[in-house]
């Protein structure tokens, strides 16, 4: 019976366990004689269990003669000290080659508590280094990476989150674990879950993808653009690949993408101003030229544009705006009918401020009544009104309206509207001079 066994059944079970290990393992009795030798040890060195078991140490067959005593002493010393001892040795393979191995050895106590031998687990140094590198990489990604790393399980819920990803979501690392992505994102969750499902079913996409998402944080909703890479995770222990989830890596590229969008938007608007100027220059009627500029300005900017001209009011001191043009045509249509704007209307505010006024329907309220009260088309939820000025005089007001599918007007939009208004005001002023 070996030093480890208590009967034939125990020896068979132990042999099966040892042969199923991924690490090479051998064991020595108190005299240094090899008692166990598993299949992984045979794979690395080429010596079978039948050739190895019963030999005393590695001398004369698995190590150079000059190194044999040192190797034997260092291995057997493990039975006299607590814990595991780690060493590196150059061993010999059966075909005469040399392989550098890293060993972990520890003493095996007998029934009386005294040392009865040593077990030694070993692996090729390069394989051990690869394992350590993998572990180190995993720990670095989870702690110090400059991009977000999220391990998502097969139910599409975060299982592991690194510090960078937690900051991107505006919460703690543990607070994200196990939560549906729909609780973390208000927009873009469908696209993200679709990408994760694709990776689980068919593997990672050939190139990174960019997703626009809205992140729900304690400070509010933030719109971000993430450049994402995906990796399908499969168990290395299964005979067939078993998906464990998806490794999701992302970087925040919002500023760069927003700068690109702003540049493209500015280029497009400059082109629209240039084109409208070329077409307006061919119009004999300045009012027609103003309508041309209105149509060009509307493209990609808003759903409706209303042009109201300041007219004579029968009541002294009261201003009256008359609808001059609309794109696309809406009621009341172009003509000489005055528009019935109530006190505090954004268009009248623009006249008072000699500038631009932005307004949006209150969130949670019906859009149609808000627009109807202001004499606007019922699908309007965002408005931008700016004054028309020419030669130091107020000519009228220009209004742009957006529907619910577009965002509210911003300062850059107001600057563009003011540039359009200045050109339209010059056309209307010229028309008035011709009429006189």
Protein backbone atom coordinates (compact mmCIF):
# COMPACT_ATOMS: atom_id res chain seq x y z
CA UNK A 1 0.00 0.00 0.00
CA UNK A 2 1.29 3.46 -0.82
CA UNK A 3 1.84 6.22 1.72
CA UNK A 4 -1.43 7.85 0.64
CA UNK A 5 -3.74 4.84 0.46
CA UNK A 6 -5.81 2.94 3.03
CA UNK A 7 -6.98 0.19 0.72
CA UNK A 8 -7.38 -0.82 -2.89
CA UNK A 9 -10.53 1.27 -3.41
CA UNK A 10 -8.91 4.39 -1.99
CA UNK A 11 -5.87 3.88 -4.22
CA UNK A 12 -8.06 3.56 -7.34
CA UNK A 13 -9.99 6.70 -6.47
CA UNK A 14 -6.81 8.63 -5.78
CA UNK A 15 -5.23 7.48 -9.03
CA UNK A 16 -8.30 8.59 -10.99
CA UNK A 17 -8.26 11.99 -9.30
CA UNK A 18 -4.55 12.49 -9.91
CA UNK A 19 -4.78 11.49 -13.57
CA UNK A 20 -7.64 13.94 -14.11
CA UNK A 21 -5.66 16.93 -12.84
CA UNK A 22 -4.46 19.64 -15.21
CA UNK A 23 -1.24 20.06 -13.22
CA UNK A 24 1.60 17.56 -13.16
CA UNK A 25 1.93 15.88 -9.76
CA UNK A 26 4.31 13.43 -8.19
CA UNK A 27 4.74 12.28 -4.58
CA UNK A 28 7.68 10.96 -2.54
CA UNK A 29 7.69 8.90 0.62
CA UNK A 30 9.87 9.82 3.60
CA UNK A 31 12.89 8.21 1.93
CA UNK A 32 12.47 10.17 -1.30
CA UNK A 33 11.06 7.28 -3.35
CA UNK A 34 8.42 8.26 -5.91
CA UNK A 35 5.01 6.84 -5.01
CA UNK A 36 2.69 8.67 -7.44
CA UNK A 37 3.09 10.05 -10.95
CA UNK A 38 0.10 11.36 -12.91
CA UNK A 39 -0.59 11.67 -16.64
CA UNK A 40 0.24 15.38 -16.84
CA UNK A 41 3.71 14.62 -15.42
CA UNK A 42 4.06 11.96 -18.10
CA UNK A 43 3.00 14.45 -20.77
CA UNK A 44 5.56 17.05 -19.71
CA UNK A 45 8.57 14.79 -19.16
CA UNK A 46 7.69 11.74 -21.25
CA UNK A 47 8.27 9.23 -18.46
CA UNK A 48 5.31 6.94 -17.72
CA UNK A 49 4.08 6.15 -14.23
CA UNK A 50 5.47 2.63 -14.55
CA UNK A 51 8.92 4.09 -15.32
CA UNK A 52 8.80 6.72 -12.59
CA UNK A 53 7.14 5.10 -9.56
CA UNK A 54 9.67 3.28 -7.35
CA UNK A 55 12.67 5.41 -8.34
CA UNK A 56 14.47 7.32 -5.62
CA UNK A 57 14.41 10.96 -6.57
CA UNK A 58 15.18 12.27 -10.03
CA UNK A 59 18.85 11.33 -10.05
CA UNK A 60 20.07 9.52 -13.12
CA UNK A 61 16.99 9.88 -15.26
CA UNK A 62 14.96 13.16 -14.86
CA UNK A 63 17.70 15.57 -13.77
CA UNK A 64 21.37 16.13 -14.50
CA UNK A 65 23.76 14.37 -12.18
CA UNK A 66 25.28 17.69 -11.12
CA UNK A 67 21.88 19.00 -10.05
CA UNK A 68 20.39 15.81 -8.62
CA UNK A 69 21.38 16.24 -4.97
CA UNK A 70 20.39 19.90 -4.83
CA UNK A 71 17.01 19.15 -6.37
CA UNK A 72 16.44 16.23 -3.99
CA UNK A 73 17.39 18.25 -0.91
CA UNK A 74 15.17 21.18 -1.81
CA UNK A 75 12.17 18.96 -2.55
CA UNK A 76 12.46 16.82 0.60
CA UNK A 77 13.04 19.89 2.78
CA UNK A 78 9.37 20.71 2.30
CA UNK A 79 8.38 18.04 4.84
CA UNK A 80 10.27 19.84 7.60
CA UNK A 81 8.76 23.35 7.15
CA UNK A 82 5.13 24.52 7.22
CA UNK A 83 3.32 25.67 4.10
CA UNK A 84 4.27 25.28 0.47
CA UNK A 85 7.70 25.76 -1.03
CA UNK A 86 8.11 27.15 -4.56
CA UNK A 87 11.17 26.33 -6.66
CA UNK A 88 12.26 26.28 -10.27
CA UNK A 89 14.24 23.33 -11.65
CA UNK A 90 15.56 22.24 -15.02
CA UNK A 91 14.37 18.64 -15.51
CA UNK A 92 15.20 16.18 -18.27
CA UNK A 93 12.64 14.69 -20.62
CA UNK A 94 12.72 11.08 -21.74
CA UNK A 95 14.02 12.07 -25.18
CA UNK A 96 16.94 13.97 -23.64
CA UNK A 97 15.55 17.49 -23.76
CA UNK A 98 15.49 19.94 -20.90
CA UNK A 99 12.42 21.70 -19.59
CA UNK A 100 12.27 24.39 -16.94
CA UNK A 101 9.50 23.73 -14.42
CA UNK A 102 8.10 25.60 -11.46
CA UNK A 103 7.25 23.38 -8.51
CA UNK A 104 5.09 23.75 -5.43
CA UNK A 105 5.91 21.16 -2.79
CA UNK A 106 4.58 20.50 0.71
CA UNK A 107 5.01 17.87 3.35
CA UNK A 108 2.49 15.07 3.90
CA UNK A 109 1.92 14.15 7.56
CA UNK A 110 1.35 10.55 8.50
CA UNK A 111 -1.24 9.10 10.87
CA UNK A 112 1.04 9.89 13.83
CA UNK A 113 1.48 13.51 12.69
CA UNK A 114 5.10 13.01 11.70
CA UNK A 115 6.29 13.70 8.12
CA UNK A 116 5.65 10.73 5.87
CA UNK A 117 6.58 12.21 2.50
CA UNK A 118 6.23 15.12 0.10
CA UNK A 119 3.91 15.92 -2.75
CA UNK A 120 5.12 18.08 -5.62
CA UNK A 121 2.94 19.80 -8.22
CA UNK A 122 4.80 21.24 -11.19
CA UNK A 123 4.20 22.86 -14.55
CA UNK A 124 6.30 24.25 -17.34
CA UNK A 125 7.49 27.71 -16.45
CA UNK A 126 6.12 29.27 -19.62
CA UNK A 127 2.68 27.76 -18.95
CA UNK A 128 2.79 29.05 -15.38
CA UNK A 129 3.86 32.47 -16.60
CA UNK A 130 1.02 32.47 -19.12
CA UNK A 131 -1.41 31.66 -16.32
CA UNK A 132 0.02 34.37 -14.09
CA UNK A 133 -0.13 36.85 -16.94
CA UNK A 134 -3.78 35.96 -17.55
CA UNK A 135 -4.58 36.44 -13.89
CA UNK A 136 -2.61 39.68 -13.76
CA UNK A 137 -4.35 40.95 -16.90
CA UNK A 138 -7.74 40.08 -15.45
CA UNK A 139 -6.97 41.90 -12.20
CA UNK A 140 -5.57 44.92 -14.04
CA UNK A 141 -8.65 45.15 -16.26
CA UNK A 142 -10.90 44.95 -13.23
CA UNK A 143 -9.00 47.61 -11.29
CA UNK A 144 -6.75 49.95 -13.25
CA UNK A 145 -7.93 49.90 -16.88
CA UNK A 146 -8.57 53.25 -18.55
CA UNK A 147 -11.67 51.84 -20.28
CA UNK A 148 -14.81 50.23 -18.95
CA UNK A 149 -14.89 46.45 -18.57
CA UNK A 150 -18.11 44.62 -17.77
CA UNK A 151 -18.55 40.85 -17.68
CA UNK A 152 -22.16 40.13 -18.60
CA UNK A 153 -23.76 36.77 -17.81
CA UNK A 154 -25.97 34.81 -20.20
CA UNK A 155 -29.02 36.63 -18.77
CA UNK A 156 -27.46 39.92 -19.95
CA UNK A 157 -26.86 41.19 -16.43
CA UNK A 158 -23.53 42.56 -15.17
CA UNK A 159 -21.60 39.95 -13.18
CA UNK A 160 -18.27 41.79 -12.78
CA UNK A 161 -17.70 45.54 -13.27
CA UNK A 162 -14.42 47.42 -13.11
CA UNK A 163 -13.95 50.83 -11.51
CA UNK A 164 -13.93 52.75 -14.81
CA UNK A 165 -17.25 51.23 -15.90
CA UNK A 166 -18.81 52.00 -12.52
CA UNK A 167 -17.82 55.66 -12.90
CA UNK A 168 -19.30 55.70 -16.41
CA UNK A 169 -22.61 54.47 -14.97
CA UNK A 170 -22.38 56.96 -12.12
CA UNK A 171 -22.67 54.39 -9.33
CA UNK A 172 -20.70 51.87 -7.29
CA UNK A 173 -19.33 48.59 -8.64
CA UNK A 174 -21.48 46.34 -6.46
CA UNK A 175 -24.62 48.39 -7.14
CA UNK A 176 -24.50 47.35 -10.82
CA UNK A 177 -24.25 43.61 -10.27
CA UNK A 178 -27.25 41.53 -11.32
CA UNK A 179 -29.34 44.51 -12.45
CA UNK A 180 -31.07 44.52 -15.87
CA UNK A 181 -29.48 46.90 -18.34
CA UNK A 182 -32.85 48.60 -18.74
CA UNK A 183 -32.52 49.91 -15.18
CA UNK A 184 -29.18 51.53 -16.03
CA UNK A 185 -29.91 52.99 -19.46
CA UNK A 186 -32.92 55.01 -20.59
CA UNK A 187 -31.96 54.92 -24.28
CA UNK A 188 -29.79 52.56 -26.31
CA UNK A 189 -30.55 49.48 -24.19
CA UNK A 190 -32.17 47.65 -27.13
CA UNK A 191 -29.09 48.14 -29.32
CA UNK A 192 -26.75 47.05 -26.52
CA UNK A 193 -28.75 43.94 -25.63
CA UNK A 194 -28.99 43.07 -29.33
CA UNK A 195 -25.20 43.25 -29.63
CA UNK A 196 -24.72 41.07 -26.53
CA UNK A 197 -27.18 38.46 -27.79
CA UNK A 198 -25.42 38.40 -31.16
CA UNK A 199 -22.09 37.76 -29.44
CA UNK A 200 -23.55 34.92 -27.37
CA UNK A 201 -25.09 33.31 -30.45
CA UNK A 202 -22.52 33.94 -33.17
CA UNK A 203 -19.38 35.38 -31.61
CA UNK A 204 -17.77 38.78 -31.45
CA UNK A 205 -18.22 41.30 -34.28
CA UNK A 206 -15.15 41.86 -36.47
CA UNK A 207 -14.71 45.49 -35.42
CA UNK A 208 -15.69 47.76 -32.52
CA UNK A 209 -19.12 49.38 -32.66
CA UNK A 210 -20.26 52.78 -31.41
CA UNK A 211 -23.47 53.06 -29.43
CA UNK A 212 -25.27 56.20 -28.26
CA UNK A 213 -26.84 55.62 -24.87
CA UNK A 214 -28.54 57.66 -22.18
CA UNK A 215 -27.26 56.72 -18.73
CA UNK A 216 -29.52 57.11 -15.69
CA UNK A 217 -27.41 58.57 -12.85
CA UNK A 218 -28.07 60.28 -9.54
CA UNK A 219 -27.34 63.63 -11.23
CA UNK A 220 -29.82 62.93 -14.03
CA UNK A 221 -29.75 61.37 -17.50
CA UNK A 222 -26.53 61.76 -19.47
CA UNK A 223 -26.24 61.21 -23.22
CA UNK A 224 -23.01 59.37 -24.06
CA UNK A 225 -21.34 57.70 -27.03
CA UNK A 226 -19.45 54.49 -26.19
CA UNK A 227 -17.04 52.70 -28.49
CA UNK A 228 -17.61 49.04 -27.64
CA UNK A 229 -15.77 45.78 -28.16
CA UNK A 230 -17.23 42.38 -27.29
CA UNK A 231 -15.76 38.95 -26.52
CA UNK A 232 -17.69 35.73 -26.04
CA UNK A 233 -16.59 33.95 -22.86
CA UNK A 234 -16.60 30.15 -22.89
CA UNK A 235 -15.58 27.69 -20.20
CA UNK A 236 -12.12 26.16 -20.80
CA UNK A 237 -13.09 23.13 -18.70
CA UNK A 238 -15.91 21.87 -20.89
CA UNK A 239 -15.39 19.49 -23.81
CA UNK A 240 -17.67 21.67 -25.94
CA UNK A 241 -17.69 25.48 -25.69
CA UNK A 242 -20.20 26.50 -23.05
CA UNK A 243 -20.97 30.25 -23.06
CA UNK A 244 -20.37 31.89 -19.70
CA UNK A 245 -21.34 35.33 -20.90
CA UNK A 246 -19.81 38.27 -22.73
CA UNK A 247 -16.81 40.44 -22.00
CA UNK A 248 -17.84 44.01 -22.85
CA UNK A 249 -15.16 46.68 -23.11
CA UNK A 250 -16.00 50.30 -23.87
CA UNK A 251 -14.51 53.77 -24.05
CA UNK A 252 -16.35 57.06 -23.81
CA UNK A 253 -15.85 58.93 -27.10
CA UNK A 254 -18.68 61.40 -26.61
CA UNK A 255 -16.59 64.55 -26.87
CA UNK A 256 -14.85 63.44 -30.06
CA UNK A 257 -18.07 62.28 -31.72
CA UNK A 258 -19.96 65.38 -30.61
CA UNK A 259 -17.20 67.55 -32.06
CA UNK A 260 -17.50 65.65 -35.35
CA UNK A 261 -21.28 66.07 -35.34
CA UNK A 262 -20.97 69.77 -34.57
CA UNK A 263 -18.45 70.22 -37.37
CA UNK A 264 -20.65 68.35 -39.84
CA UNK A 265 -23.69 70.35 -38.73
CA UNK A 266 -21.84 73.65 -39.10
CA UNK A 267 -20.61 72.63 -42.55
CA UNK A 268 -24.13 71.66 -43.66
CA UNK A 269 -25.66 74.89 -42.38
CA UNK A 270 -22.96 76.96 -44.08
CA UNK A 271 -23.70 75.14 -47.32
CA UNK A 272 -27.44 75.79 -46.91
CA UNK A 273 -26.79 79.51 -46.40
CA UNK A 274 -24.57 79.56 -49.48
CA UNK A 275 -27.08 77.68 -51.64
CA UNK A 276 -30.00 79.78 -50.48
CA UNK A 277 -28.03 82.94 -51.27
CA UNK A 278 -27.30 81.71 -54.80
CA UNK A 279 -30.97 80.87 -55.44
CA UNK A 280 -32.29 84.03 -53.77
CA UNK A 281 -30.03 86.14 -55.96
CA UNK A 282 -31.98 84.92 -59.01
CA UNK A 283 -35.36 86.00 -57.56
CA UNK A 284 -36.75 89.28 -58.90
CA UNK A 285 -39.16 89.62 -55.99
CA UNK A 286 -37.41 90.10 -52.59
CA UNK A 287 -40.38 88.46 -50.81
CA UNK A 288 -39.89 85.38 -52.96
CA UNK A 289 -36.19 85.44 -52.06
CA UNK A 290 -37.14 85.50 -48.37
CA UNK A 291 -39.32 82.41 -48.90
CA UNK A 292 -36.44 80.64 -50.63
CA UNK A 293 -34.16 81.32 -47.66
CA UNK A 294 -36.88 80.02 -45.34
CA UNK A 295 -37.16 76.72 -47.23
CA UNK A 296 -33.40 76.16 -47.27
CA UNK A 297 -33.09 76.97 -43.54
CA UNK A 298 -35.78 74.45 -42.63
CA UNK A 299 -33.95 71.43 -44.06
CA UNK A 300 -32.53 69.31 -41.24
CA UNK A 301 -33.28 72.05 -38.72
CA UNK A 302 -36.99 72.02 -37.84
CA UNK A 303 -40.42 70.82 -38.97
CA UNK A 304 -42.01 74.27 -39.44
CA UNK A 305 -40.88 77.83 -40.11
CA UNK A 306 -43.17 80.84 -39.72
CA UNK A 307 -42.38 84.31 -41.05
CA UNK A 308 -44.35 87.17 -39.47
CA UNK A 309 -43.91 90.77 -40.62
CA UNK A 310 -44.49 93.77 -38.39
CA UNK A 311 -47.48 95.68 -39.76
CA UNK A 312 -49.46 98.80 -38.94
CA UNK A 313 -51.89 98.44 -36.05
CA UNK A 314 -55.14 100.46 -35.85
CA UNK A 315 -54.49 100.87 -32.12
CA UNK A 316 -51.68 103.31 -31.28
CA UNK A 317 -48.75 101.73 -29.42
CA UNK A 318 -49.79 98.16 -30.21
CA UNK A 319 -47.74 95.91 -32.45
CA UNK A 320 -49.34 93.68 -35.01
CA UNK A 321 -47.63 90.76 -36.71
CA UNK A 322 -48.90 89.65 -40.11
CA UNK A 323 -48.14 86.17 -41.46
CA UNK A 324 -45.98 86.64 -44.55
CA UNK A 325 -44.86 83.06 -45.26
CA UNK A 326 -44.79 79.58 -43.77
CA UNK A 327 -42.85 76.47 -44.70
CA UNK A 328 -44.59 74.12 -45.16
CA UNK A 329 -47.82 76.13 -45.54
CA UNK A 330 -50.00 76.09 -42.41
CA UNK A 331 -53.07 77.97 -41.29
CA UNK A 332 -53.31 80.87 -41.24
CA UNK A 333 -51.67 80.84 -44.64
CA UNK A 334 -49.52 83.49 -46.27
CA UNK A 335 -51.36 86.74 -46.81
CA UNK A 336 -52.25 89.91 -44.99
CA UNK A 337 -54.13 88.34 -42.06
CA UNK A 338 -52.74 89.28 -38.66
CA UNK A 339 -51.79 86.49 -36.26
CA UNK A 340 -53.47 86.58 -32.85
CA UNK A 341 -50.56 86.21 -30.51
CA UNK A 342 -51.42 86.68 -26.87
CA UNK A 343 -49.43 88.63 -24.32
CA UNK A 344 -46.15 86.93 -23.43
CA UNK A 345 -46.01 85.01 -26.70
CA UNK A 346 -42.39 83.97 -27.52
CA UNK A 347 -42.52 85.88 -30.83
CA UNK A 348 -43.53 89.07 -29.00
CA UNK A 349 -40.84 88.42 -26.41
CA UNK A 350 -38.29 88.22 -29.21
CA UNK A 351 -39.45 91.64 -30.44
CA UNK A 352 -39.10 93.06 -26.93
CA UNK A 353 -35.65 91.60 -26.35
CA UNK A 354 -34.44 92.25 -29.91
CA UNK A 355 -33.00 88.76 -29.79
CA UNK A 356 -33.93 85.08 -29.67
CA UNK A 357 -36.34 83.23 -27.38
CA UNK A 358 -36.47 79.46 -26.91
CA UNK A 359 -39.46 77.59 -25.51
CA UNK A 360 -40.59 73.97 -25.05
CA UNK A 361 -43.81 72.30 -24.00
CA UNK A 362 -43.79 71.39 -20.28
CA UNK A 363 -42.76 67.77 -19.78
CA UNK A 364 -45.68 65.50 -18.99
CA UNK A 365 -48.30 67.82 -20.47
CA UNK A 366 -50.19 67.34 -23.73
CA UNK A 367 -48.34 68.92 -26.63
CA UNK A 368 -51.30 69.94 -28.79
CA UNK A 369 -52.95 72.39 -26.32
CA UNK A 370 -49.58 74.06 -25.64
CA UNK A 371 -48.98 74.61 -29.36
CA UNK A 372 -52.60 75.53 -30.06
CA UNK A 373 -52.57 78.29 -27.44
CA UNK A 374 -49.64 79.88 -29.24
CA UNK A 375 -51.19 79.64 -32.71
CA UNK A 376 -48.69 77.00 -33.82
CA UNK A 377 -49.15 73.60 -35.55
CA UNK A 378 -50.27 71.00 -33.03
CA UNK A 379 -47.20 68.77 -33.44
CA UNK A 380 -44.88 71.52 -32.19
CA UNK A 381 -43.12 70.89 -28.85
CA UNK A 382 -40.02 73.08 -29.22
CA UNK A 383 -39.92 76.66 -30.52
CA UNK A 384 -37.25 79.18 -31.41
CA UNK A 385 -38.33 82.76 -32.12
CA UNK A 386 -35.91 85.44 -33.27
CA UNK A 387 -36.34 89.04 -34.29
CA UNK A 388 -35.95 90.31 -37.87
CA UNK A 389 -33.80 93.47 -37.91
CA UNK A 390 -32.61 95.55 -40.87
CA UNK A 391 -31.03 99.01 -40.92
CA UNK A 392 -31.58 99.38 -37.21
CA UNK A 393 -35.30 98.70 -37.42
CA UNK A 394 -37.42 95.73 -36.39
CA UNK A 395 -39.02 94.14 -39.44
CA UNK A 396 -40.80 91.17 -37.89
CA UNK A 397 -40.25 87.78 -36.23
CA UNK A 398 -39.08 84.40 -37.48
CA UNK A 399 -40.20 81.20 -35.72
CA UNK A 400 -38.84 77.67 -36.08
CA UNK A 401 -40.79 74.74 -34.61
CA UNK A 402 -39.68 71.18 -33.85
CA UNK A 403 -41.73 68.05 -33.18
CA UNK A 404 -41.27 65.50 -30.38
CA UNK A 405 -38.73 63.45 -32.33
CA UNK A 406 -36.19 66.28 -32.20
CA UNK A 407 -34.30 67.75 -29.23
CA UNK A 408 -34.96 71.23 -27.88
CA UNK A 409 -33.25 74.17 -29.55
CA UNK A 410 -29.82 75.06 -28.21
CA UNK A 411 -27.67 78.18 -28.32
CA UNK A 412 -25.94 77.04 -31.53
CA UNK A 413 -29.38 76.69 -33.14
CA UNK A 414 -30.28 80.23 -32.08
CA UNK A 415 -27.10 81.57 -33.70
CA UNK A 416 -27.98 79.85 -36.97
CA UNK A 417 -31.56 81.15 -36.82
CA UNK A 418 -30.27 84.68 -36.21
CA UNK A 419 -28.04 84.44 -39.29
CA UNK A 420 -31.00 83.30 -41.40
CA UNK A 421 -33.17 86.04 -39.89
CA UNK A 422 -30.66 88.75 -40.78
CA UNK A 423 -30.73 87.74 -44.44
CA UNK A 424 -34.51 87.41 -44.58
CA UNK A 425 -34.88 90.81 -42.85
CA UNK A 426 -32.74 92.39 -45.57
CA UNK A 427 -34.99 90.84 -48.24
CA UNK A 428 -38.18 92.10 -46.55
CA UNK A 429 -36.68 95.55 -46.04
CA UNK A 430 -35.82 95.68 -49.73
CA UNK A 431 -39.35 94.63 -50.63
CA UNK A 432 -40.77 97.38 -48.48
CA UNK A 433 -38.47 99.94 -50.13
CA UNK A 434 -39.64 98.78 -53.59
CA UNK A 435 -43.29 99.07 -52.56
CA UNK A 436 -42.75 102.63 -51.44
